[in-house]
Amino acid sequence: MEFFDLMDPILRGFWYIAIPSSLFFLGQTLLTFFGADATDGVDADFDSNLSGTEAPFQLFSLRNLINFLLGFSWSGIAFYTTIPNNALLLLFATLVGSAFVWLFFIIIKQLQKLAEDNSFKLSNTLNKTAEVYLTIPEHMTGKGKILISVNGSFHELEAVTQQERIASGSIVKVVAIESDNLLRVEKI
């Protein structure tokens, strides 16, 4: 501990922040790779969900605090000899810590753009072509079935037509949604 005792108090403060925050960050990273990071595991005593905003996650979280402390402490250590004015050094370290949090926001926002919603919605069938699986009776007197591909997967759905009978194997176009899971089709 003599090493720390001989240091300038501001530099010692930076080291006292850098070591635990780096160890905690390393632990978070390891847990992330092993799939154990479903939540931060710590609930804040205040509500910070930023309701009414477009924020992709909470601003005040343990992860963001660690990101700030990493940027703050390590930039303070790195630039201690370069920036002789302590107030300027603290300001610079605060800016770098804030930049770390901002960079994390940007990375998460970009990752969220990669998410894709492939859940089946009946509205996605409109104006698509399909193959008649079971013959569709004429003038909406009964139901038949069609096979339609939506978002890369095939679905078997009930269909009716206002036209003449449509035989099995015919190609049709979905023109309307009549009711829950019932489509109106026309022969192409």
N, C-alpha and C. Protein backbone atom coordinates (compact mmCIF):
# COMPACT_ATOMS: atom_id res chain seq x y z
N MET A 1 0.82 -1.20 0.00
CA MET A 1 0.00 0.00 0.00
C MET A 1 0.86 1.26 0.00
N GLU A 2 2.18 1.12 0.18
CA GLU A 2 3.03 2.30 0.14
C GLU A 2 2.97 2.97 -1.22
N PHE A 3 2.76 2.17 -2.25
CA PHE A 3 2.66 2.70 -3.60
C PHE A 3 1.55 3.74 -3.67
N PHE A 4 0.39 3.46 -3.08
CA PHE A 4 -0.73 4.40 -3.10
C PHE A 4 -0.51 5.56 -2.14
N ASP A 5 0.16 5.32 -1.03
CA ASP A 5 0.38 6.38 -0.04
C ASP A 5 1.27 7.48 -0.56
N LEU A 6 2.17 7.17 -1.49
CA LEU A 6 3.10 8.16 -2.03
C LEU A 6 2.49 8.98 -3.17
N MET A 7 1.33 8.61 -3.63
CA MET A 7 0.69 9.29 -4.77
C MET A 7 0.01 10.57 -4.34
N ASP A 8 -0.16 11.45 -5.33
CA ASP A 8 -0.96 12.66 -5.16
C ASP A 8 -2.41 12.22 -4.88
N PRO A 9 -3.14 12.89 -4.01
CA PRO A 9 -4.50 12.45 -3.65
C PRO A 9 -5.45 12.30 -4.85
N ILE A 10 -5.35 13.16 -5.83
CA ILE A 10 -6.27 13.04 -6.98
C ILE A 10 -5.95 11.78 -7.79
N LEU A 11 -4.66 11.49 -7.97
CA LEU A 11 -4.26 10.29 -8.70
C LEU A 11 -4.66 9.04 -7.91
N ARG A 12 -4.48 9.08 -6.59
CA ARG A 12 -4.90 7.97 -5.74
C ARG A 12 -6.40 7.74 -5.86
N GLY A 13 -7.18 8.82 -5.91
CA GLY A 13 -8.63 8.71 -6.08
C GLY A 13 -9.00 8.04 -7.40
N PHE A 14 -8.29 8.44 -8.46
CA PHE A 14 -8.54 7.80 -9.75
C PHE A 14 -8.26 6.29 -9.69
N TRP A 15 -7.17 5.91 -9.04
CA TRP A 15 -6.83 4.48 -8.92
C TRP A 15 -7.86 3.75 -8.06
N TYR A 16 -8.33 4.39 -6.99
CA TYR A 16 -9.33 3.75 -6.13
C TYR A 16 -10.66 3.54 -6.85
N ILE A 17 -10.93 4.34 -7.85
CA ILE A 17 -12.13 4.15 -8.67
C ILE A 17 -11.87 3.15 -9.78
N ALA A 18 -10.69 3.22 -10.39
CA ALA A 18 -10.37 2.40 -11.56
C ALA A 18 -10.31 0.90 -11.23
N ILE A 19 -9.68 0.54 -10.13
CA ILE A 19 -9.49 -0.88 -9.83
C ILE A 19 -10.81 -1.60 -9.58
N PRO A 20 -11.66 -1.13 -8.65
CA PRO A 20 -12.92 -1.88 -8.44
C PRO A 20 -13.86 -1.82 -9.64
N SER A 21 -13.93 -0.66 -10.32
CA SER A 21 -14.83 -0.59 -11.48
C SER A 21 -14.34 -1.49 -12.61
N SER A 22 -13.04 -1.62 -12.79
CA SER A 22 -12.50 -2.52 -13.82
C SER A 22 -12.77 -3.97 -13.47
N LEU A 23 -12.62 -4.34 -12.21
CA LEU A 23 -12.90 -5.71 -11.79
C LEU A 23 -14.39 -6.03 -11.95
N PHE A 24 -15.23 -5.07 -11.59
CA PHE A 24 -16.67 -5.27 -11.74
C PHE A 24 -17.04 -5.39 -13.21
N PHE A 25 -16.44 -4.55 -14.07
CA PHE A 25 -16.68 -4.62 -15.52
C PHE A 25 -16.23 -5.97 -16.07
N LEU A 26 -15.09 -6.45 -15.62
CA LEU A 26 -14.61 -7.75 -16.06
C LEU A 26 -15.59 -8.86 -15.65
N GLY A 27 -16.10 -8.77 -14.43
CA GLY A 27 -17.09 -9.74 -13.97
C GLY A 27 -18.37 -9.67 -14.80
N GLN A 28 -18.84 -8.46 -15.10
CA GLN A 28 -20.02 -8.29 -15.95
C GLN A 28 -19.79 -8.90 -17.33
N THR A 29 -18.62 -8.67 -17.88
CA THR A 29 -18.30 -9.18 -19.21
C THR A 29 -18.29 -10.70 -19.21
N LEU A 30 -17.66 -11.30 -18.22
CA LEU A 30 -17.63 -12.76 -18.14
C LEU A 30 -19.04 -13.33 -17.98
N LEU A 31 -19.86 -12.71 -17.13
CA LEU A 31 -21.23 -13.18 -16.96
C LEU A 31 -22.03 -13.02 -18.24
N THR A 32 -21.77 -11.98 -19.00
CA THR A 32 -22.46 -11.78 -20.28
C THR A 32 -22.14 -12.92 -21.23
N PHE A 33 -20.86 -13.31 -21.32
CA PHE A 33 -20.48 -14.38 -22.22
C PHE A 33 -21.02 -15.73 -21.78
N PHE A 34 -21.29 -15.89 -20.50
CA PHE A 34 -21.86 -17.14 -20.02
C PHE A 34 -23.39 -17.08 -19.92
N GLY A 35 -23.98 -15.98 -20.40
CA GLY A 35 -25.43 -15.87 -20.45
C GLY A 35 -26.10 -15.56 -19.14
N ALA A 36 -25.39 -14.99 -18.20
CA ALA A 36 -25.97 -14.73 -16.88
C ALA A 36 -26.26 -13.25 -16.66
N ASP A 37 -26.50 -12.50 -17.74
CA ASP A 37 -26.70 -11.06 -17.55
C ASP A 37 -28.12 -10.63 -17.89
N ALA A 38 -29.11 -11.44 -17.57
CA ALA A 38 -30.49 -11.10 -17.91
C ALA A 38 -30.88 -9.74 -17.33
N THR A 39 -30.41 -9.45 -16.13
CA THR A 39 -30.62 -8.14 -15.54
C THR A 39 -29.35 -7.76 -14.80
N ASP A 40 -29.29 -6.51 -14.40
CA ASP A 40 -28.12 -6.07 -13.65
C ASP A 40 -28.11 -6.65 -12.25
N GLY A 41 -29.27 -7.11 -11.77
CA GLY A 41 -29.34 -7.72 -10.46
C GLY A 41 -29.50 -6.71 -9.33
N VAL A 42 -29.56 -5.43 -9.68
CA VAL A 42 -29.71 -4.39 -8.67
C VAL A 42 -30.86 -3.50 -9.08
N ASP A 43 -31.81 -3.28 -8.17
CA ASP A 43 -32.92 -2.39 -8.45
C ASP A 43 -32.62 -1.02 -7.86
N ALA A 44 -32.85 0.02 -8.66
CA ALA A 44 -32.62 1.38 -8.18
C ALA A 44 -33.75 1.78 -7.23
N ASP A 45 -33.48 2.74 -6.34
CA ASP A 45 -34.48 3.22 -5.41
C ASP A 45 -35.36 4.30 -6.03
N PHE A 46 -35.18 4.57 -7.32
CA PHE A 46 -35.94 5.61 -7.98
C PHE A 46 -36.35 5.11 -9.35
N ASP A 47 -37.38 5.76 -9.92
CA ASP A 47 -37.88 5.36 -11.23
C ASP A 47 -37.13 6.15 -12.30
N SER A 48 -36.46 5.44 -13.18
CA SER A 48 -35.69 6.12 -14.23
C SER A 48 -36.00 5.56 -15.60
N ASN A 49 -37.25 5.14 -15.81
CA ASN A 49 -37.57 4.52 -17.08
C ASN A 49 -37.79 5.52 -18.20
N LEU A 50 -37.68 6.80 -17.90
CA LEU A 50 -37.78 7.86 -18.90
C LEU A 50 -39.05 7.72 -19.73
N SER A 51 -40.19 7.50 -19.06
CA SER A 51 -41.44 7.29 -19.78
C SER A 51 -41.74 8.49 -20.66
N GLY A 52 -42.24 8.19 -21.85
CA GLY A 52 -42.53 9.25 -22.81
C GLY A 52 -41.35 9.58 -23.71
N THR A 53 -40.25 8.87 -23.56
CA THR A 53 -39.09 9.12 -24.41
C THR A 53 -38.79 7.90 -25.26
N GLU A 54 -37.88 8.06 -26.18
CA GLU A 54 -37.51 6.97 -27.08
C GLU A 54 -36.25 6.25 -26.61
N ALA A 55 -35.89 6.36 -25.33
CA ALA A 55 -34.67 5.75 -24.82
C ALA A 55 -34.75 4.23 -24.90
N PRO A 56 -33.71 3.57 -25.43
CA PRO A 56 -33.76 2.12 -25.56
C PRO A 56 -33.55 1.38 -24.25
N PHE A 57 -33.11 2.04 -23.22
CA PHE A 57 -32.89 1.40 -21.94
C PHE A 57 -32.79 2.48 -20.88
N GLN A 58 -32.64 2.08 -19.63
CA GLN A 58 -32.59 3.04 -18.53
C GLN A 58 -31.28 3.83 -18.53
N LEU A 59 -31.40 5.11 -18.26
CA LEU A 59 -30.22 5.96 -18.20
C LEU A 59 -29.42 5.69 -16.93
N PHE A 60 -30.10 5.56 -15.81
CA PHE A 60 -29.43 5.33 -14.53
C PHE A 60 -29.45 3.85 -14.21
N SER A 61 -28.44 3.14 -14.68
CA SER A 61 -28.34 1.72 -14.39
C SER A 61 -26.93 1.42 -13.89
N LEU A 62 -26.79 0.26 -13.31
CA LEU A 62 -25.48 -0.15 -12.80
C LEU A 62 -24.46 -0.24 -13.94
N ARG A 63 -24.90 -0.76 -15.07
CA ARG A 63 -24.01 -0.89 -16.23
C ARG A 63 -23.51 0.47 -16.71
N ASN A 64 -24.41 1.46 -16.77
CA ASN A 64 -23.99 2.80 -17.20
C ASN A 64 -23.08 3.46 -16.17
N LEU A 65 -23.34 3.21 -14.90
CA LEU A 65 -22.46 3.75 -13.86
C LEU A 65 -21.05 3.18 -14.02
N ILE A 66 -20.94 1.89 -14.25
CA ILE A 66 -19.63 1.26 -14.43
C ILE A 66 -18.94 1.81 -15.68
N ASN A 67 -19.71 1.99 -16.77
CA ASN A 67 -19.12 2.56 -17.98
C ASN A 67 -18.58 3.96 -17.72
N PHE A 68 -19.34 4.78 -17.01
CA PHE A 68 -18.87 6.13 -16.69
C PHE A 68 -17.61 6.08 -15.83
N LEU A 69 -17.63 5.26 -14.78
CA LEU A 69 -16.48 5.19 -13.88
C LEU A 69 -15.22 4.68 -14.59
N LEU A 70 -15.38 3.75 -15.53
CA LEU A 70 -14.22 3.28 -16.30
C LEU A 70 -13.61 4.42 -17.11
N GLY A 71 -14.45 5.12 -17.86
CA GLY A 71 -13.94 6.23 -18.66
C GLY A 71 -13.35 7.33 -17.80
N PHE A 72 -14.02 7.66 -16.72
CA PHE A 72 -13.57 8.72 -15.82
C PHE A 72 -12.23 8.39 -15.19
N SER A 73 -12.14 7.21 -14.59
CA SER A 73 -10.93 6.88 -13.83
C SER A 73 -9.72 6.63 -14.72
N TRP A 74 -9.89 5.85 -15.78
CA TRP A 74 -8.73 5.53 -16.61
C TRP A 74 -8.25 6.73 -17.43
N SER A 75 -9.17 7.62 -17.83
CA SER A 75 -8.69 8.83 -18.52
C SER A 75 -7.99 9.76 -17.52
N GLY A 76 -8.46 9.78 -16.28
CA GLY A 76 -7.78 10.58 -15.25
C GLY A 76 -6.37 10.07 -14.99
N ILE A 77 -6.22 8.74 -14.94
CA ILE A 77 -4.89 8.15 -14.75
C ILE A 77 -4.00 8.40 -15.96
N ALA A 78 -4.56 8.21 -17.15
CA ALA A 78 -3.77 8.34 -18.38
C ALA A 78 -3.29 9.78 -18.62
N PHE A 79 -4.11 10.76 -18.27
CA PHE A 79 -3.76 12.15 -18.57
C PHE A 79 -3.30 12.93 -17.34
N TYR A 80 -3.00 12.22 -16.25
CA TYR A 80 -2.56 12.89 -15.02
C TYR A 80 -1.29 13.71 -15.25
N THR A 81 -0.33 13.15 -15.96
CA THR A 81 0.92 13.88 -16.19
C THR A 81 0.80 14.88 -17.34
N THR A 82 -0.15 14.67 -18.23
CA THR A 82 -0.31 15.56 -19.39
C THR A 82 -1.06 16.83 -19.03
N ILE A 83 -2.08 16.73 -18.18
CA ILE A 83 -2.90 17.89 -17.79
C ILE A 83 -2.55 18.24 -16.35
N PRO A 84 -1.74 19.27 -16.14
CA PRO A 84 -1.28 19.59 -14.78
C PRO A 84 -2.36 20.23 -13.89
N ASN A 85 -3.35 20.89 -14.47
CA ASN A 85 -4.40 21.55 -13.70
C ASN A 85 -5.44 20.51 -13.26
N ASN A 86 -5.61 20.31 -11.93
CA ASN A 86 -6.52 19.30 -11.41
C ASN A 86 -7.97 19.52 -11.81
N ALA A 87 -8.43 20.78 -11.82
CA ALA A 87 -9.82 21.07 -12.20
C ALA A 87 -10.04 20.71 -13.66
N LEU A 88 -9.09 21.03 -14.51
CA LEU A 88 -9.19 20.70 -15.93
C LEU A 88 -9.14 19.19 -16.13
N LEU A 89 -8.30 18.51 -15.35
CA LEU A 89 -8.20 17.06 -15.42
C LEU A 89 -9.54 16.40 -15.02
N LEU A 90 -10.16 16.89 -13.95
CA LEU A 90 -11.45 16.35 -13.52
C LEU A 90 -12.53 16.60 -14.57
N LEU A 91 -12.51 17.78 -15.18
CA LEU A 91 -13.48 18.09 -16.23
C LEU A 91 -13.28 17.16 -17.43
N PHE A 92 -12.03 16.99 -17.84
CA PHE A 92 -11.72 16.12 -18.97
C PHE A 92 -12.14 14.68 -18.67
N ALA A 93 -11.83 14.20 -17.47
CA ALA A 93 -12.19 12.83 -17.08
C ALA A 93 -13.71 12.66 -17.07
N THR A 94 -14.44 13.66 -16.60
CA THR A 94 -15.90 13.62 -16.59
C THR A 94 -16.44 13.56 -18.02
N LEU A 95 -15.86 14.33 -18.92
CA LEU A 95 -16.29 14.31 -20.32
C LEU A 95 -16.03 12.94 -20.96
N VAL A 96 -14.87 12.36 -20.67
CA VAL A 96 -14.57 11.03 -21.22
C VAL A 96 -15.51 9.99 -20.64
N GLY A 97 -15.80 10.05 -19.35
CA GLY A 97 -16.75 9.12 -18.74
C GLY A 97 -18.13 9.25 -19.36
N SER A 98 -18.57 10.48 -19.60
CA SER A 98 -19.86 10.70 -20.26
C SER A 98 -19.83 10.18 -21.69
N ALA A 99 -18.70 10.33 -22.37
CA ALA A 99 -18.56 9.80 -23.73
C ALA A 99 -18.67 8.28 -23.73
N PHE A 100 -18.15 7.62 -22.71
CA PHE A 100 -18.27 6.16 -22.61
C PHE A 100 -19.75 5.76 -22.54
N VAL A 101 -20.53 6.47 -21.71
CA VAL A 101 -21.96 6.16 -21.59
C VAL A 101 -22.66 6.44 -22.91
N TRP A 102 -22.35 7.56 -23.56
CA TRP A 102 -22.96 7.92 -24.83
C TRP A 102 -22.61 6.87 -25.90
N LEU A 103 -21.37 6.42 -25.92
CA LEU A 103 -20.94 5.40 -26.87
C LEU A 103 -21.70 4.09 -26.63
N PHE A 104 -21.92 3.76 -25.38
CA PHE A 104 -22.70 2.56 -25.05
C PHE A 104 -24.13 2.70 -25.57
N PHE A 105 -24.74 3.91 -25.41
CA PHE A 105 -26.07 4.16 -25.95
C PHE A 105 -26.10 3.92 -27.46
N ILE A 106 -25.11 4.45 -28.16
CA ILE A 106 -25.04 4.33 -29.62
C ILE A 106 -24.91 2.86 -30.02
N ILE A 107 -24.05 2.13 -29.35
CA ILE A 107 -23.85 0.71 -29.68
C ILE A 107 -25.13 -0.08 -29.46
N ILE A 108 -25.81 0.15 -28.34
CA ILE A 108 -27.05 -0.58 -28.06
C ILE A 108 -28.12 -0.22 -29.08
N LYS A 109 -28.22 1.05 -29.45
CA LYS A 109 -29.20 1.48 -30.45
C LYS A 109 -28.95 0.79 -31.79
N GLN A 110 -27.68 0.68 -32.19
CA GLN A 110 -27.35 0.00 -33.44
C GLN A 110 -27.67 -1.50 -33.36
N LEU A 111 -27.41 -2.11 -32.22
CA LEU A 111 -27.72 -3.52 -32.04
C LEU A 111 -29.23 -3.77 -32.10
N GLN A 112 -30.01 -2.83 -31.58
CA GLN A 112 -31.46 -2.99 -31.60
C GLN A 112 -32.01 -2.92 -33.02
N LYS A 113 -31.32 -2.24 -33.91
CA LYS A 113 -31.75 -2.19 -35.30
C LYS A 113 -31.64 -3.55 -35.97
N LEU A 114 -30.81 -4.43 -35.42
CA LEU A 114 -30.65 -5.77 -35.98
C LEU A 114 -31.80 -6.69 -35.62
N ALA A 115 -32.58 -6.30 -34.61
CA ALA A 115 -33.70 -7.14 -34.18
C ALA A 115 -34.76 -7.16 -35.28
N GLU A 116 -35.39 -8.30 -35.45
CA GLU A 116 -36.40 -8.47 -36.48
C GLU A 116 -37.60 -9.15 -35.88
N ASP A 117 -38.78 -8.60 -36.17
CA ASP A 117 -40.02 -9.18 -35.67
C ASP A 117 -40.58 -10.10 -36.75
N ASN A 118 -40.46 -11.40 -36.55
CA ASN A 118 -40.97 -12.36 -37.52
C ASN A 118 -42.25 -13.02 -37.06
N SER A 119 -42.94 -12.39 -36.13
CA SER A 119 -44.19 -12.97 -35.68
C SER A 119 -45.24 -12.87 -36.80
N PHE A 120 -46.08 -13.87 -36.89
CA PHE A 120 -47.08 -13.92 -37.96
C PHE A 120 -48.21 -12.95 -37.68
N LYS A 121 -48.51 -12.12 -38.67
CA LYS A 121 -49.65 -11.20 -38.60
C LYS A 121 -50.47 -11.44 -39.85
N LEU A 122 -51.76 -11.62 -39.68
CA LEU A 122 -52.64 -11.90 -40.80
C LEU A 122 -52.61 -10.77 -41.83
N SER A 123 -52.41 -9.56 -41.37
CA SER A 123 -52.35 -8.41 -42.29
C SER A 123 -51.19 -8.51 -43.28
N ASN A 124 -50.15 -9.28 -42.94
CA ASN A 124 -49.01 -9.44 -43.86
C ASN A 124 -49.35 -10.33 -45.06
N THR A 125 -50.54 -10.93 -45.07
CA THR A 125 -50.92 -11.79 -46.20
C THR A 125 -51.57 -11.01 -47.33
N LEU A 126 -52.03 -9.79 -47.05
CA LEU A 126 -52.72 -9.01 -48.08
C LEU A 126 -51.84 -8.81 -49.31
N ASN A 127 -52.46 -8.99 -50.49
CA ASN A 127 -51.82 -8.82 -51.80
C ASN A 127 -50.71 -9.81 -52.08
N LYS A 128 -50.63 -10.87 -51.30
CA LYS A 128 -49.63 -11.92 -51.56
C LYS A 128 -50.30 -13.06 -52.33
N THR A 129 -49.47 -13.80 -53.04
CA THR A 129 -49.99 -14.96 -53.76
C THR A 129 -49.87 -16.20 -52.89
N ALA A 130 -50.77 -17.16 -53.18
CA ALA A 130 -50.80 -18.40 -52.41
C ALA A 130 -51.25 -19.53 -53.32
N GLU A 131 -51.09 -20.75 -52.84
CA GLU A 131 -51.55 -21.92 -53.58
C GLU A 131 -52.74 -22.51 -52.85
N VAL A 132 -53.78 -22.85 -53.63
CA VAL A 132 -54.97 -23.45 -53.03
C VAL A 132 -54.63 -24.87 -52.61
N TYR A 133 -54.88 -25.16 -51.34
CA TYR A 133 -54.57 -26.47 -50.77
C TYR A 133 -55.81 -27.36 -50.80
N LEU A 134 -56.93 -26.83 -50.34
CA LEU A 134 -58.23 -27.51 -50.43
C LEU A 134 -59.16 -26.62 -51.25
N THR A 135 -59.89 -27.22 -52.17
CA THR A 135 -60.75 -26.47 -53.09
C THR A 135 -61.61 -25.46 -52.34
N ILE A 136 -61.69 -24.25 -52.94
CA ILE A 136 -62.48 -23.17 -52.35
C ILE A 136 -63.82 -23.11 -53.08
N PRO A 137 -64.94 -23.33 -52.38
CA PRO A 137 -66.27 -23.28 -53.02
C PRO A 137 -66.60 -21.89 -53.56
N GLU A 138 -67.51 -21.85 -54.56
CA GLU A 138 -67.86 -20.59 -55.23
C GLU A 138 -68.72 -19.70 -54.34
N HIS A 139 -68.66 -18.40 -54.65
CA HIS A 139 -69.51 -17.34 -54.09
C HIS A 139 -69.65 -17.38 -52.57
N MET A 140 -68.57 -17.65 -51.89
CA MET A 140 -68.50 -17.64 -50.43
C MET A 140 -69.51 -18.59 -49.77
N THR A 141 -69.79 -19.71 -50.43
CA THR A 141 -70.73 -20.69 -49.86
C THR A 141 -70.03 -21.65 -48.90
N GLY A 142 -68.73 -21.66 -48.90
CA GLY A 142 -67.98 -22.54 -48.01
C GLY A 142 -66.52 -22.10 -47.95
N LYS A 143 -65.76 -22.80 -47.17
CA LYS A 143 -64.35 -22.44 -46.97
C LYS A 143 -63.45 -23.48 -47.60
N GLY A 144 -62.34 -23.00 -48.13
CA GLY A 144 -61.27 -23.86 -48.59
C GLY A 144 -60.01 -23.49 -47.81
N LYS A 145 -58.88 -24.02 -48.25
CA LYS A 145 -57.63 -23.69 -47.55
C LYS A 145 -56.56 -23.33 -48.57
N ILE A 146 -55.68 -22.41 -48.14
CA ILE A 146 -54.55 -22.00 -48.99
C ILE A 146 -53.26 -22.18 -48.22
N LEU A 147 -52.17 -22.33 -48.95
CA LEU A 147 -50.81 -22.32 -48.38
C LEU A 147 -50.16 -21.03 -48.80
N ILE A 148 -49.72 -20.26 -47.84
CA ILE A 148 -49.13 -18.95 -48.14
C ILE A 148 -47.83 -18.79 -47.36
N SER A 149 -46.86 -18.17 -47.99
CA SER A 149 -45.57 -17.93 -47.34
C SER A 149 -45.52 -16.49 -46.83
N VAL A 150 -45.30 -16.36 -45.52
CA VAL A 150 -45.17 -15.04 -44.90
C VAL A 150 -43.92 -15.05 -44.03
N ASN A 151 -43.02 -14.11 -44.25
CA ASN A 151 -41.77 -14.01 -43.51
C ASN A 151 -40.96 -15.30 -43.56
N GLY A 152 -41.00 -15.97 -44.69
CA GLY A 152 -40.18 -17.15 -44.89
C GLY A 152 -40.75 -18.45 -44.34
N SER A 153 -41.97 -18.43 -43.82
CA SER A 153 -42.57 -19.68 -43.33
C SER A 153 -43.96 -19.84 -43.94
N PHE A 154 -44.35 -21.09 -44.18
CA PHE A 154 -45.64 -21.38 -44.80
C PHE A 154 -46.73 -21.52 -43.74
N HIS A 155 -47.92 -21.01 -44.10
CA HIS A 155 -49.07 -21.08 -43.21
C HIS A 155 -50.25 -21.63 -43.99
N GLU A 156 -51.01 -22.49 -43.35
CA GLU A 156 -52.24 -23.03 -43.94
C GLU A 156 -53.39 -22.25 -43.33
N LEU A 157 -54.10 -21.49 -44.19
CA LEU A 157 -55.17 -20.62 -43.71
C LEU A 157 -56.46 -20.88 -44.47
N GLU A 158 -57.60 -20.63 -43.82
CA GLU A 158 -58.90 -20.78 -44.46
C GLU A 158 -59.14 -19.60 -45.39
N ALA A 159 -59.83 -19.90 -46.53
CA ALA A 159 -60.09 -18.87 -47.51
C ALA A 159 -61.45 -19.05 -48.16
N VAL A 160 -62.00 -17.93 -48.61
CA VAL A 160 -63.26 -17.92 -49.37
C VAL A 160 -63.03 -17.10 -50.63
N THR A 161 -63.97 -17.21 -51.57
CA THR A 161 -63.90 -16.41 -52.79
C THR A 161 -65.29 -15.96 -53.20
N GLN A 162 -65.38 -14.82 -53.89
CA GLN A 162 -66.65 -14.33 -54.43
C GLN A 162 -66.79 -14.77 -55.89
N GLN A 163 -65.76 -15.39 -56.42
CA GLN A 163 -65.77 -15.84 -57.80
C GLN A 163 -66.27 -17.27 -57.88
N GLU A 164 -66.01 -17.90 -59.03
CA GLU A 164 -66.34 -19.31 -59.22
C GLU A 164 -65.42 -20.18 -58.37
N ARG A 165 -65.77 -21.44 -58.26
CA ARG A 165 -64.99 -22.42 -57.50
C ARG A 165 -63.53 -22.39 -57.96
N ILE A 166 -62.60 -22.46 -56.97
CA ILE A 166 -61.17 -22.46 -57.29
C ILE A 166 -60.62 -23.82 -56.89
N ALA A 167 -60.08 -24.52 -57.87
CA ALA A 167 -59.61 -25.89 -57.66
C ALA A 167 -58.29 -25.93 -56.90
N SER A 168 -58.05 -27.07 -56.27
CA SER A 168 -56.80 -27.31 -55.55
C SER A 168 -55.62 -27.20 -56.52
N GLY A 169 -54.54 -26.56 -56.09
CA GLY A 169 -53.35 -26.38 -56.92
C GLY A 169 -53.33 -25.07 -57.68
N SER A 170 -54.43 -24.32 -57.68
CA SER A 170 -54.49 -23.03 -58.37
C SER A 170 -53.72 -21.97 -57.59
N ILE A 171 -53.27 -20.95 -58.29
CA ILE A 171 -52.59 -19.83 -57.65
C ILE A 171 -53.60 -18.70 -57.47
N VAL A 172 -53.64 -18.15 -56.26
CA VAL A 172 -54.59 -17.09 -55.94
C VAL A 172 -53.86 -15.91 -55.29
N LYS A 173 -54.58 -14.80 -55.24
CA LYS A 173 -54.07 -13.59 -54.58
C LYS A 173 -55.01 -13.23 -53.44
N VAL A 174 -54.46 -12.91 -52.28
CA VAL A 174 -55.27 -12.52 -51.13
C VAL A 174 -55.69 -11.07 -51.33
N VAL A 175 -57.02 -10.82 -51.33
CA VAL A 175 -57.52 -9.47 -51.58
C VAL A 175 -58.12 -8.81 -50.34
N ALA A 176 -58.52 -9.61 -49.34
CA ALA A 176 -59.11 -9.02 -48.14
C ALA A 176 -59.07 -10.01 -46.98
N ILE A 177 -59.22 -9.46 -45.79
CA ILE A 177 -59.34 -10.28 -44.58
C ILE A 177 -60.80 -10.17 -44.16
N GLU A 178 -61.53 -11.30 -44.21
CA GLU A 178 -62.96 -11.30 -43.92
C GLU A 178 -63.23 -11.26 -42.41
N SER A 179 -62.58 -12.11 -41.66
CA SER A 179 -62.74 -12.17 -40.21
C SER A 179 -61.50 -12.86 -39.65
N ASP A 180 -61.55 -13.24 -38.39
CA ASP A 180 -60.39 -13.89 -37.79
C ASP A 180 -59.97 -15.11 -38.58
N ASN A 181 -58.77 -15.07 -39.11
CA ASN A 181 -58.16 -16.19 -39.84
C ASN A 181 -58.94 -16.63 -41.08
N LEU A 182 -59.74 -15.76 -41.67
CA LEU A 182 -60.45 -16.07 -42.91
C LEU A 182 -60.09 -15.04 -43.97
N LEU A 183 -59.54 -15.52 -45.06
CA LEU A 183 -59.08 -14.62 -46.12
C LEU A 183 -59.98 -14.74 -47.34
N ARG A 184 -60.16 -13.61 -48.05
CA ARG A 184 -60.87 -13.64 -49.34
C ARG A 184 -59.82 -13.59 -50.43
N VAL A 185 -59.94 -14.49 -51.38
CA VAL A 185 -58.92 -14.60 -52.42
C VAL A 185 -59.58 -14.53 -53.79
N GLU A 186 -58.76 -14.24 -54.81
CA GLU A 186 -59.18 -14.23 -56.20
C GLU A 186 -58.18 -15.04 -56.98
N LYS A 187 -58.67 -15.76 -57.99
CA LYS A 187 -57.81 -16.55 -58.83
C LYS A 187 -57.01 -15.63 -59.74
N ILE A 188 -55.73 -15.97 -59.95
CA ILE A 188 -54.87 -15.17 -60.82
C ILE A 188 -54.93 -15.73 -62.22
